[in-house]
Amino acid sequence: MRLAFMGTPDFAVPVLGELIAAGHEIAAVYSQPPRRSGRGQKETPSPVHQFAIEHGLPVRTPLNFKAQEERDAFAALDLEVAVVVAYGLILPKAILTAPEYGCLNLHGSLLPRWRGAAPINRAIMAGDDVSGIQVMQMEAGLDTGPVLLSETVAIAPDETAGTLHDKLSRIGADLMPRTLAALSRGALAPQEQPEEGVTYAHKLSPEETRINWDRPASEIDAHIRGLSPFPGAWFEAPDKTGKLTRIKALMCHPVDGSGQPGQVLENEDTLIVATQKGALSFSRLQRAGKGPQKTADMLRGFAIDLNIVLP
């Protein structure tokens, strides 16, 4: 099919790769504009942008689609369909309706649960047992369109946002070409989303990444895994001078233990901290300015006193 691909982060790259491999005609790739990063604040193209260049595909990076000239340029592509995967820009009706078959979005949840920006993180943070990935016909509403194809994925007890992200990306890379093949045959049966069970995966805010020890260990564990490895849940611990140092928690698991919430119960081979109910044993941590480490390795270079109460 003749299509445009619209995506930005790593999550979208495998999908674009499979569409190329399947022989679809990629008329244009749309991605968010390059961002400044690093010490030199050099403009860096998005992962999708870079991948498209490597494969000789034309790339467009509009700030938005408010200008009529951008809408006209999109319509002039004469598309059969547009594939949208974590693009990050709101598409107006003029864009949604320009292709013959409209715009198809790959979404990382089982709709209508977790509509919105951070479905993978929110599913784990909420303690969900299952997630999934779906191809949806896009409408003007936020992730409200009918579902075309779907795959369900179990969320493992030690699942992190990073591992679930990678699973769903791989499955989505297979699901989207299957959807386009069925679309070309007229074999799709759109399923309207149920009105019950709607939840919203709001964008993650910096304020919610700090660990609150006044919660049960099971809830904090889900919170940490849902934010690992990025942006990362964190707590603070004093260094030798008493200055508080931020430590990112990347992996932990609930264990038996009791004490004042935030109290350090063990500080040698592992770090065990009491919570409002139960305790958490941390297996992987990252001190500010350092790389991720096994907890035992970090504690050899950054001691945390036994029985202190972490803020």
C-alpha atoms as a PDB file:
ATOM      1  CA  MET A   1       0.000   0.000   0.000  1.00  0.00           C
ATOM      2  CA  ARG A   2       1.066   3.610  -0.470  1.00  0.00           C
ATOM      3  CA  LEU A   3       1.421   5.062   3.013  1.00  0.00           C
ATOM      4  CA  ALA A   4       2.993   7.654   5.255  1.00  0.00           C
ATOM      5  CA  PHE A   5       4.624   6.575   8.491  1.00  0.00           C
ATOM      6  CA  MET A   6       4.318   8.924  11.473  1.00  0.00           C
ATOM      7  CA  GLY A   7       6.424   8.111  14.542  1.00  0.00           C
ATOM      8  CA  THR A   8       9.210   9.403  16.742  1.00  0.00           C
ATOM      9  CA  PRO A   9      10.797   7.171  19.462  1.00  0.00           C
ATOM     10  CA  ASP A  10      12.563   3.788  19.514  1.00  0.00           C
ATOM     11  CA  PHE A  11       9.205   2.071  20.073  1.00  0.00           C
ATOM     12  CA  ALA A  12       8.149   2.931  16.512  1.00  0.00           C
ATOM     13  CA  VAL A  13      11.330   1.890  14.690  1.00  0.00           C
ATOM     14  CA  PRO A  14      10.656  -1.891  14.430  1.00  0.00           C
ATOM     15  CA  VAL A  15       7.224  -1.176  12.948  1.00  0.00           C
ATOM     16  CA  LEU A  16       8.706   1.008  10.215  1.00  0.00           C
ATOM     17  CA  GLY A  17      11.315  -1.668   9.537  1.00  0.00           C
ATOM     18  CA  GLU A  18       8.669  -4.355   9.047  1.00  0.00           C
ATOM     19  CA  LEU A  19       6.597  -2.129   6.759  1.00  0.00           C
ATOM     20  CA  ILE A  20       9.652  -1.591   4.576  1.00  0.00           C
ATOM     21  CA  ALA A  21      10.381  -5.322   4.578  1.00  0.00           C
ATOM     22  CA  ALA A  22       6.775  -6.075   3.605  1.00  0.00           C
ATOM     23  CA  GLY A  23       7.197  -4.014   0.450  1.00  0.00           C
ATOM     24  CA  HIS A  24       4.876  -1.116   1.239  1.00  0.00           C
ATOM     25  CA  GLU A  25       5.510   2.143  -0.586  1.00  0.00           C
ATOM     26  CA  ILE A  26       6.568   4.662   2.073  1.00  0.00           C
ATOM     27  CA  ALA A  27       5.735   8.007   0.472  1.00  0.00           C
ATOM     28  CA  ALA A  28       7.015   9.985   3.472  1.00  0.00           C
ATOM     29  CA  VAL A  29       8.073   9.557   7.068  1.00  0.00           C
ATOM     30  CA  TYR A  30       6.870  12.139   9.565  1.00  0.00           C
ATOM     31  CA  SER A  31       8.689  12.579  12.869  1.00  0.00           C
ATOM     32  CA  GLN A  32       9.007  15.260  15.513  1.00  0.00           C
ATOM     33  CA  PRO A  33      11.687  17.878  14.816  1.00  0.00           C
ATOM     34  CA  PRO A  34      15.276  17.203  15.977  1.00  0.00           C
ATOM     35  CA  ARG A  35      15.889  18.098  19.614  1.00  0.00           C
ATOM     36  CA  ARG A  36      18.982  19.640  21.153  1.00  0.00           C
ATOM     37  CA  SER A  37      20.798  17.267  23.493  1.00  0.00           C
ATOM     38  CA  GLY A  38      24.185  16.572  25.054  1.00  0.00           C
ATOM     39  CA  ARG A  39      26.819  18.984  26.276  1.00  0.00           C
ATOM     40  CA  GLY A  40      27.097  20.722  22.942  1.00  0.00           C
ATOM     41  CA  GLN A  41      23.312  20.966  22.611  1.00  0.00           C
ATOM     42  CA  LYS A  42      23.618  19.533  19.125  1.00  0.00           C
ATOM     43  CA  GLU A  43      20.375  18.926  17.255  1.00  0.00           C
ATOM     44  CA  THR A  44      19.691  15.182  17.203  1.00  0.00           C
ATOM     45  CA  PRO A  45      17.127  13.553  14.905  1.00  0.00           C
ATOM     46  CA  SER A  46      14.626  11.195  16.512  1.00  0.00           C
ATOM     47  CA  PRO A  47      15.220   7.416  16.279  1.00  0.00           C
ATOM     48  CA  VAL A  48      12.562   7.136  13.554  1.00  0.00           C
ATOM     49  CA  HIS A  49      14.093  10.059  11.660  1.00  0.00           C
ATOM     50  CA  GLN A  50      17.552   8.471  11.769  1.00  0.00           C
ATOM     51  CA  PHE A  51      16.214   5.069  10.708  1.00  0.00           C
ATOM     52  CA  ALA A  52      14.333   6.607   7.790  1.00  0.00           C
ATOM     53  CA  ILE A  53      17.436   8.443   6.552  1.00  0.00           C
ATOM     54  CA  GLU A  54      19.463   5.225   6.731  1.00  0.00           C
ATOM     55  CA  HIS A  55      16.865   3.575   4.503  1.00  0.00           C
ATOM     56  CA  GLY A  56      16.670   6.411   1.989  1.00  0.00           C
ATOM     57  CA  LEU A  57      13.166   7.542   2.919  1.00  0.00           C
ATOM     58  CA  PRO A  58      12.033  11.187   2.697  1.00  0.00           C
ATOM     59  CA  VAL A  59      11.487  12.714   6.148  1.00  0.00           C
ATOM     60  CA  ARG A  60       9.269  15.624   7.154  1.00  0.00           C
ATOM     61  CA  THR A  61       9.415  17.231  10.600  1.00  0.00           C
ATOM     62  CA  PRO A  62       6.672  19.854  10.965  1.00  0.00           C
ATOM     63  CA  LEU A  63       6.128  21.452  14.367  1.00  0.00           C
ATOM     64  CA  ASN A  64       2.398  20.874  13.915  1.00  0.00           C
ATOM     65  CA  PHE A  65      -0.293  20.760  11.255  1.00  0.00           C
ATOM     66  CA  LYS A  66      -1.912  24.116  11.899  1.00  0.00           C
ATOM     67  CA  ALA A  67      -0.600  25.680   8.689  1.00  0.00           C
ATOM     68  CA  GLN A  68      -2.677  24.994   5.593  1.00  0.00           C
ATOM     69  CA  GLU A  69       0.475  24.400   3.563  1.00  0.00           C
ATOM     70  CA  GLU A  70       1.386  21.441   5.822  1.00  0.00           C
ATOM     71  CA  ARG A  71      -2.091  19.975   5.420  1.00  0.00           C
ATOM     72  CA  ASP A  72      -1.961  20.462   1.670  1.00  0.00           C
ATOM     73  CA  ALA A  73       1.468  18.837   1.475  1.00  0.00           C
ATOM     74  CA  PHE A  74       0.155  15.804   3.366  1.00  0.00           C
ATOM     75  CA  ALA A  75      -2.942  15.541   1.146  1.00  0.00           C
ATOM     76  CA  ALA A  76      -0.750  15.820  -1.962  1.00  0.00           C
ATOM     77  CA  LEU A  77       0.960  12.529  -1.033  1.00  0.00           C
ATOM     78  CA  ASP A  78      -2.193  10.775  -2.288  1.00  0.00           C
ATOM     79  CA  LEU A  79      -2.017   8.078   0.399  1.00  0.00           C
ATOM     80  CA  GLU A  80      -4.023   4.940   0.848  1.00  0.00           C
ATOM     81  CA  VAL A  81      -3.325   4.973   4.582  1.00  0.00           C
ATOM     82  CA  ALA A  82      -1.169   6.602   7.266  1.00  0.00           C
ATOM     83  CA  VAL A  83       0.429   4.529  10.037  1.00  0.00           C
ATOM     84  CA  VAL A  84       0.894   6.347  13.349  1.00  0.00           C
ATOM     85  CA  VAL A  85       3.118   4.948  16.114  1.00  0.00           C
ATOM     86  CA  ALA A  86       3.973   7.155  19.102  1.00  0.00           C
ATOM     87  CA  TYR A  87       4.225  10.221  16.894  1.00  0.00           C
ATOM     88  CA  GLY A  88       3.555  12.705  19.687  1.00  0.00           C
ATOM     89  CA  LEU A  89       1.642  15.337  17.715  1.00  0.00           C
ATOM     90  CA  ILE A  90      -2.107  15.927  17.615  1.00  0.00           C
ATOM     91  CA  LEU A  91      -3.502  15.221  14.161  1.00  0.00           C
ATOM     92  CA  PRO A  92      -6.353  17.477  13.015  1.00  0.00           C
ATOM     93  CA  LYS A  93      -9.336  16.118  11.125  1.00  0.00           C
ATOM     94  CA  ALA A  94      -7.879  17.264   7.801  1.00  0.00           C
ATOM     95  CA  ILE A  95      -4.934  14.887   8.335  1.00  0.00           C
ATOM     96  CA  LEU A  96      -7.006  12.029   9.761  1.00  0.00           C
ATOM     97  CA  THR A  97      -9.288  11.982   6.731  1.00  0.00           C
ATOM     98  CA  ALA A  98      -6.789  12.718   3.934  1.00  0.00           C
ATOM     99  CA  PRO A  99      -5.697   9.091   3.221  1.00  0.00           C
ATOM    100  CA  GLU A 100      -8.206   6.795   1.514  1.00  0.00           C
ATOM    101  CA  TYR A 101      -8.410   4.543   4.586  1.00  0.00           C
ATOM    102  CA  GLY A 102      -7.574   7.204   7.152  1.00  0.00           C
ATOM    103  CA  CYS A 103      -4.933   6.924   9.883  1.00  0.00           C
ATOM    104  CA  LEU A 104      -4.188   3.749  11.851  1.00  0.00           C
ATOM    105  CA  ASN A 105      -2.598   4.047  15.289  1.00  0.00           C
ATOM    106  CA  LEU A 106      -0.604   1.380  17.140  1.00  0.00           C
ATOM    107  CA  HIS A 107      -1.418   1.789  20.836  1.00  0.00           C
ATOM    108  CA  GLY A 108       0.261   0.009  23.754  1.00  0.00           C
ATOM    109  CA  SER A 109      -2.724  -1.008  25.868  1.00  0.00           C
ATOM    110  CA  LEU A 110      -6.032  -2.863  25.734  1.00  0.00           C
ATOM    111  CA  LEU A 111      -8.424  -0.041  24.997  1.00  0.00           C
ATOM    112  CA  PRO A 112     -10.416   1.599  26.461  1.00  0.00           C
ATOM    113  CA  ARG A 113      -8.071   1.058  29.408  1.00  0.00           C
ATOM    114  CA  TRP A 114      -5.147   3.460  29.386  1.00  0.00           C
ATOM    115  CA  ARG A 115      -5.988   5.888  26.653  1.00  0.00           C
ATOM    116  CA  GLY A 116      -3.361   8.589  26.375  1.00  0.00           C
ATOM    117  CA  ALA A 117       0.353   9.252  26.571  1.00  0.00           C
ATOM    118  CA  ALA A 118       1.863   6.703  28.985  1.00  0.00           C
ATOM    119  CA  PRO A 119      -0.106   3.424  28.768  1.00  0.00           C
ATOM    120  CA  ILE A 120       2.844   1.098  29.361  1.00  0.00           C
ATOM    121  CA  ASN A 121       4.004   2.891  32.507  1.00  0.00           C
ATOM    122  CA  ARG A 122       0.509   3.306  33.914  1.00  0.00           C
ATOM    123  CA  ALA A 123      -0.439  -0.346  33.448  1.00  0.00           C
ATOM    124  CA  ILE A 124       2.508  -1.532  35.552  1.00  0.00           C
ATOM    125  CA  MET A 125       2.162   1.253  38.119  1.00  0.00           C
ATOM    126  CA  ALA A 126      -1.488   0.284  38.622  1.00  0.00           C
ATOM    127  CA  GLY A 127      -0.603  -3.371  39.181  1.00  0.00           C
ATOM    128  CA  ASP A 128      -2.359  -4.669  36.048  1.00  0.00           C
ATOM    129  CA  ASP A 129      -1.912  -8.365  35.234  1.00  0.00           C
ATOM    130  CA  VAL A 130      -2.267  -7.944  31.478  1.00  0.00           C
ATOM    131  CA  SER A 131      -1.515  -5.411  28.802  1.00  0.00           C
ATOM    132  CA  GLY A 132      -1.535  -5.586  25.055  1.00  0.00           C
ATOM    133  CA  ILE A 133      -1.144  -3.765  21.802  1.00  0.00           C
ATOM    134  CA  GLN A 134      -3.843  -2.763  19.371  1.00  0.00           C
ATOM    135  CA  VAL A 135      -4.258  -1.179  15.974  1.00  0.00           C
ATOM    136  CA  MET A 136      -6.971   1.454  16.124  1.00  0.00           C
ATOM    137  CA  GLN A 137      -8.721   3.547  13.491  1.00  0.00           C
ATOM    138  CA  MET A 138      -7.988   7.104  14.552  1.00  0.00           C
ATOM    139  CA  GLU A 139     -10.751   9.597  15.291  1.00  0.00           C
ATOM    140  CA  ALA A 140     -10.734  13.166  16.583  1.00  0.00           C
ATOM    141  CA  GLY A 141     -11.111  11.929  20.195  1.00  0.00           C
ATOM    142  CA  LEU A 142      -8.210  10.720  22.335  1.00  0.00           C
ATOM    143  CA  ASP A 143      -7.730   7.022  21.461  1.00  0.00           C
ATOM    144  CA  THR A 144     -11.479   6.543  21.016  1.00  0.00           C
ATOM    145  CA  GLY A 145     -11.568   4.875  17.591  1.00  0.00           C
ATOM    146  CA  PRO A 146     -12.607   1.306  16.769  1.00  0.00           C
ATOM    147  CA  VAL A 147     -10.036  -1.460  17.288  1.00  0.00           C
ATOM    148  CA  LEU A 148      -8.944  -3.367  14.173  1.00  0.00           C
ATOM    149  CA  LEU A 149      -6.508  -5.985  15.510  1.00  0.00           C
ATOM    150  CA  SER A 150      -5.255  -6.795  18.990  1.00  0.00           C
ATOM    151  CA  GLU A 151      -2.705  -8.919  20.884  1.00  0.00           C
ATOM    152  CA  THR A 152      -2.748  -9.518  24.650  1.00  0.00           C
ATOM    153  CA  VAL A 153       0.425  -9.760  26.750  1.00  0.00           C
ATOM    154  CA  ALA A 154       0.738 -10.933  30.359  1.00  0.00           C
ATOM    155  CA  ILE A 155       2.556  -8.573  32.734  1.00  0.00           C
ATOM    156  CA  ALA A 156       5.110 -10.612  34.680  1.00  0.00           C
ATOM    157  CA  PRO A 157       5.631  -9.997  38.423  1.00  0.00           C
ATOM    158  CA  ASP A 158       9.084  -8.543  37.677  1.00  0.00           C
ATOM    159  CA  GLU A 159       8.024  -6.651  34.542  1.00  0.00           C
ATOM    160  CA  THR A 160       9.410  -3.160  34.069  1.00  0.00           C
ATOM    161  CA  ALA A 161       8.261  -0.441  31.728  1.00  0.00           C
ATOM    162  CA  GLY A 162      11.409  -1.128  29.720  1.00  0.00           C
ATOM    163  CA  THR A 163      10.805  -4.858  29.243  1.00  0.00           C
ATOM    164  CA  LEU A 164       7.097  -4.399  28.461  1.00  0.00           C
ATOM    165  CA  HIS A 165       7.971  -1.582  26.039  1.00  0.00           C
ATOM    166  CA  ASP A 166      10.283  -3.919  24.123  1.00  0.00           C
ATOM    167  CA  LYS A 167       7.757  -6.781  24.062  1.00  0.00           C
ATOM    168  CA  LEU A 168       4.952  -4.604  22.751  1.00  0.00           C
ATOM    169  CA  SER A 169       7.210  -2.962  20.183  1.00  0.00           C
ATOM    170  CA  ARG A 170       8.184  -6.367  18.751  1.00  0.00           C
ATOM    171  CA  ILE A 171       4.586  -7.601  18.694  1.00  0.00           C
ATOM    172  CA  GLY A 172       3.398  -4.336  17.163  1.00  0.00           C
ATOM    173  CA  ALA A 173       5.976  -4.676  14.402  1.00  0.00           C
ATOM    174  CA  ASP A 174       4.199  -7.894  13.396  1.00  0.00           C
ATOM    175  CA  LEU A 175       0.667  -6.677  14.073  1.00  0.00           C
ATOM    176  CA  MET A 176       0.706  -3.597  11.849  1.00  0.00           C
ATOM    177  CA  PRO A 177       1.727  -5.378   8.596  1.00  0.00           C
ATOM    178  CA  ARG A 178      -0.940  -8.000   9.327  1.00  0.00           C
ATOM    179  CA  THR A 179      -3.476  -5.203   9.724  1.00  0.00           C
ATOM    180  CA  LEU A 180      -2.517  -3.597   6.414  1.00  0.00           C
ATOM    181  CA  ALA A 181      -2.684  -6.956   4.653  1.00  0.00           C
ATOM    182  CA  ALA A 182      -6.198  -7.524   6.010  1.00  0.00           C
ATOM    183  CA  LEU A 183      -7.168  -3.954   5.140  1.00  0.00           C
ATOM    184  CA  SER A 184      -6.096  -4.425   1.512  1.00  0.00           C
ATOM    185  CA  ARG A 185      -8.259  -7.581   1.335  1.00  0.00           C
ATOM    186  CA  GLY A 186     -11.239  -5.898   2.959  1.00  0.00           C
ATOM    187  CA  ALA A 187     -11.018  -8.464   5.766  1.00  0.00           C
ATOM    188  CA  LEU A 188     -11.005  -6.213   8.823  1.00  0.00           C
ATOM    189  CA  ALA A 189     -13.923  -6.160  11.261  1.00  0.00           C
ATOM    190  CA  PRO A 190     -13.643  -2.960  13.360  1.00  0.00           C
ATOM    191  CA  GLN A 191     -14.765  -3.348  16.976  1.00  0.00           C
ATOM    192  CA  GLU A 192     -16.132  -0.286  18.740  1.00  0.00           C
ATOM    193  CA  GLN A 193     -14.597   0.306  22.160  1.00  0.00           C
ATOM    194  CA  PRO A 194     -16.876  -0.401  25.135  1.00  0.00           C
ATOM    195  CA  GLU A 195     -18.125   2.597  27.063  1.00  0.00           C
ATOM    196  CA  GLU A 196     -17.195   1.023  30.396  1.00  0.00           C
ATOM    197  CA  GLY A 197     -13.661   0.624  31.697  1.00  0.00           C
ATOM    198  CA  VAL A 198     -12.201   3.846  30.321  1.00  0.00           C
ATOM    199  CA  THR A 199      -9.023   4.998  32.080  1.00  0.00           C
ATOM    200  CA  TYR A 200      -6.461   7.607  31.062  1.00  0.00           C
ATOM    201  CA  ALA A 201      -2.697   7.184  30.990  1.00  0.00           C
ATOM    202  CA  HIS A 202      -1.757  10.767  31.770  1.00  0.00           C
ATOM    203  CA  LYS A 203       1.728  11.969  30.920  1.00  0.00           C
ATOM    204  CA  LEU A 204       4.236  11.216  33.678  1.00  0.00           C
ATOM    205  CA  SER A 205       5.082  14.199  35.851  1.00  0.00           C
ATOM    206  CA  PRO A 206       8.380  14.758  37.707  1.00  0.00           C
ATOM    207  CA  GLU A 207       6.495  15.149  40.987  1.00  0.00           C
ATOM    208  CA  GLU A 208       5.231  11.562  40.986  1.00  0.00           C
ATOM    209  CA  THR A 209       8.618   9.920  40.476  1.00  0.00           C
ATOM    210  CA  ARG A 210       9.745  10.311  44.102  1.00  0.00           C
ATOM    211  CA  ILE A 211       9.229   7.196  46.229  1.00  0.00           C
ATOM    212  CA  ASN A 212       6.761   7.563  49.085  1.00  0.00           C
ATOM    213  CA  TRP A 213       7.669   5.078  51.833  1.00  0.00           C
ATOM    214  CA  ASP A 214       4.239   5.570  53.442  1.00  0.00           C
ATOM    215  CA  ARG A 215       2.720   3.126  50.955  1.00  0.00           C
ATOM    216  CA  PRO A 216       2.615  -0.683  51.020  1.00  0.00           C
ATOM    217  CA  ALA A 217       5.659  -2.445  49.571  1.00  0.00           C
ATOM    218  CA  SER A 218       3.603  -4.002  46.768  1.00  0.00           C
ATOM    219  CA  GLU A 219       2.420  -0.581  45.576  1.00  0.00           C
ATOM    220  CA  ILE A 220       5.900   0.951  45.718  1.00  0.00           C
ATOM    221  CA  ASP A 221       7.298  -2.057  43.842  1.00  0.00           C
ATOM    222  CA  ALA A 222       4.760  -1.528  41.021  1.00  0.00           C
ATOM    223  CA  HIS A 223       5.505   2.205  41.052  1.00  0.00           C
ATOM    224  CA  ILE A 224       9.250   1.586  40.679  1.00  0.00           C
ATOM    225  CA  ARG A 225       8.898  -1.013  37.926  1.00  0.00           C
ATOM    226  CA  GLY A 226       6.466   1.206  36.031  1.00  0.00           C
ATOM    227  CA  LEU A 227       9.065   3.987  35.951  1.00  0.00           C
ATOM    228  CA  SER A 228      12.113   1.789  35.224  1.00  0.00           C
ATOM    229  CA  PRO A 229      14.424   2.506  33.524  1.00  0.00           C
ATOM    230  CA  PHE A 230      13.053   5.893  32.519  1.00  0.00           C
ATOM    231  CA  PRO A 231      12.286   8.368  33.974  1.00  0.00           C
ATOM    232  CA  GLY A 232      13.050   6.349  37.108  1.00  0.00           C
ATOM    233  CA  ALA A 233      11.593   6.386  40.608  1.00  0.00           C
ATOM    234  CA  TRP A 234      13.990   7.781  43.199  1.00  0.00           C
ATOM    235  CA  PHE A 235      14.745   8.397  46.841  1.00  0.00           C
ATOM    236  CA  GLU A 236      17.419  10.344  48.703  1.00  0.00           C
ATOM    237  CA  ALA A 237      20.102   9.099  51.090  1.00  0.00           C
ATOM    238  CA  PRO A 238      22.796  11.045  52.970  1.00  0.00           C
ATOM    239  CA  ASP A 239      26.442  10.777  51.942  1.00  0.00           C
ATOM    240  CA  LYS A 240      29.373  10.876  54.403  1.00  0.00           C
ATOM    241  CA  THR A 241      28.916  14.618  54.914  1.00  0.00           C
ATOM    242  CA  GLY A 242      25.184  14.336  55.458  1.00  0.00           C
ATOM    243  CA  LYS A 243      24.326  15.825  52.081  1.00  0.00           C
ATOM    244  CA  LEU A 244      21.334  14.136  50.468  1.00  0.00           C
ATOM    245  CA  THR A 245      22.104  12.286  47.227  1.00  0.00           C
ATOM    246  CA  ARG A 246      19.439  11.207  44.779  1.00  0.00           C
ATOM    247  CA  ILE A 247      19.348   7.487  44.022  1.00  0.00           C
ATOM    248  CA  LYS A 248      17.261   6.026  41.233  1.00  0.00           C
ATOM    249  CA  ALA A 249      15.618   2.669  41.985  1.00  0.00           C
ATOM    250  CA  LEU A 250      15.648   0.410  38.929  1.00  0.00           C
ATOM    251  CA  MET A 251      14.657  -2.971  40.339  1.00  0.00           C
ATOM    252  CA  CYS A 252      13.360  -4.304  43.656  1.00  0.00           C
ATOM    253  CA  HIS A 253      10.971  -6.853  45.118  1.00  0.00           C
ATOM    254  CA  PRO A 254       8.794  -7.006  48.241  1.00  0.00           C
ATOM    255  CA  VAL A 255      10.130  -8.953  51.240  1.00  0.00           C
ATOM    256  CA  ASP A 256       9.095  -9.573  54.823  1.00  0.00           C
ATOM    257  CA  GLY A 257      10.184  -6.860  57.191  1.00  0.00           C
ATOM    258  CA  SER A 258       8.839  -4.117  59.394  1.00  0.00           C
ATOM    259  CA  GLY A 259       9.931  -0.799  60.754  1.00  0.00           C
ATOM    260  CA  GLN A 260       9.290   2.880  60.412  1.00  0.00           C
ATOM    261  CA  PRO A 261       8.495   3.717  56.771  1.00  0.00           C
ATOM    262  CA  GLY A 262      11.830   4.541  55.126  1.00  0.00           C
ATOM    263  CA  GLN A 263      13.922   2.775  57.800  1.00  0.00           C
ATOM    264  CA  VAL A 264      16.978   0.919  56.477  1.00  0.00           C
ATOM    265  CA  LEU A 265      16.737  -2.686  57.693  1.00  0.00           C
ATOM    266  CA  GLU A 266      19.742  -4.122  55.833  1.00  0.00           C
ATOM    267  CA  ASN A 267      22.652  -2.342  54.158  1.00  0.00           C
ATOM    268  CA  GLU A 268      25.355  -4.807  53.115  1.00  0.00           C
ATOM    269  CA  ASP A 269      24.813  -7.232  50.225  1.00  0.00           C
ATOM    270  CA  THR A 270      21.432  -5.681  49.594  1.00  0.00           C
ATOM    271  CA  LEU A 271      19.453  -2.641  50.658  1.00  0.00           C
ATOM    272  CA  ILE A 272      16.207  -3.421  52.453  1.00  0.00           C
ATOM    273  CA  VAL A 273      13.913  -0.561  53.402  1.00  0.00           C
ATOM    274  CA  ALA A 274      10.728  -0.717  55.473  1.00  0.00           C
ATOM    275  CA  THR A 275       7.498   0.624  54.058  1.00  0.00           C
ATOM    276  CA  GLN A 276       4.023   1.263  55.422  1.00  0.00           C
ATOM    277  CA  LYS A 277       3.378  -2.485  55.028  1.00  0.00           C
ATOM    278  CA  GLY A 278       6.255  -4.883  54.435  1.00  0.00           C
ATOM    279  CA  ALA A 279       9.667  -3.993  53.053  1.00  0.00           C
ATOM    280  CA  LEU A 280      11.509  -3.710  49.762  1.00  0.00           C
ATOM    281  CA  SER A 281      14.804  -5.301  48.770  1.00  0.00           C
ATOM    282  CA  PHE A 282      16.609  -3.315  46.076  1.00  0.00           C
ATOM    283  CA  SER A 283      18.693  -5.241  43.547  1.00  0.00           C
ATOM    284  CA  ARG A 284      19.638  -2.473  41.110  1.00  0.00           C
ATOM    285  CA  LEU A 285      20.231   1.211  41.819  1.00  0.00           C
ATOM    286  CA  GLN A 286      21.715   4.259  40.130  1.00  0.00           C
ATOM    287  CA  ARG A 287      23.358   7.056  42.052  1.00  0.00           C
ATOM    288  CA  ALA A 288      23.168  10.578  40.620  1.00  0.00           C
ATOM    289  CA  GLY A 289      25.951  11.074  38.092  1.00  0.00           C
ATOM    290  CA  LYS A 290      26.778   7.357  37.940  1.00  0.00           C
ATOM    291  CA  GLY A 291      25.689   4.416  35.817  1.00  0.00           C
ATOM    292  CA  PRO A 292      23.270   1.666  36.912  1.00  0.00           C
ATOM    293  CA  GLN A 293      24.804  -0.774  39.397  1.00  0.00           C
ATOM    294  CA  LYS A 294      24.009  -3.894  41.348  1.00  0.00           C
ATOM    295  CA  THR A 295      23.020  -2.753  44.817  1.00  0.00           C
ATOM    296  CA  ALA A 296      25.934  -4.526  46.511  1.00  0.00           C
ATOM    297  CA  ASP A 297      28.395  -2.738  44.217  1.00  0.00           C
ATOM    298  CA  MET A 298      26.817   0.648  44.861  1.00  0.00           C
ATOM    299  CA  LEU A 299      26.854   0.161  48.620  1.00  0.00           C
ATOM    300  CA  ARG A 300      30.603  -0.504  48.557  1.00  0.00           C
ATOM    301  CA  GLY A 301      31.126   2.969  47.140  1.00  0.00           C
ATOM    302  CA  PHE A 302      28.235   4.729  48.856  1.00  0.00           C
ATOM    303  CA  ALA A 303      27.426   3.454  52.324  1.00  0.00           C
ATOM    304  CA  ILE A 304      23.907   3.868  53.697  1.00  0.00           C
ATOM    305  CA  ASP A 305      23.765   3.560  57.478  1.00  0.00           C
ATOM    306  CA  LEU A 306      21.679   0.851  59.106  1.00  0.00           C
ATOM    307  CA  ASN A 307      18.463   1.998  60.820  1.00  0.00           C
ATOM    308  CA  ILE A 308      18.462   5.523  59.412  1.00  0.00           C
ATOM    309  CA  VAL A 309      15.098   6.669  58.108  1.00  0.00           C
ATOM    310  CA  LEU A 310      15.207   7.773  54.491  1.00  0.00           C
ATOM    311  CA  PRO A 311      13.150  10.893  53.741  1.00  0.00           C
END
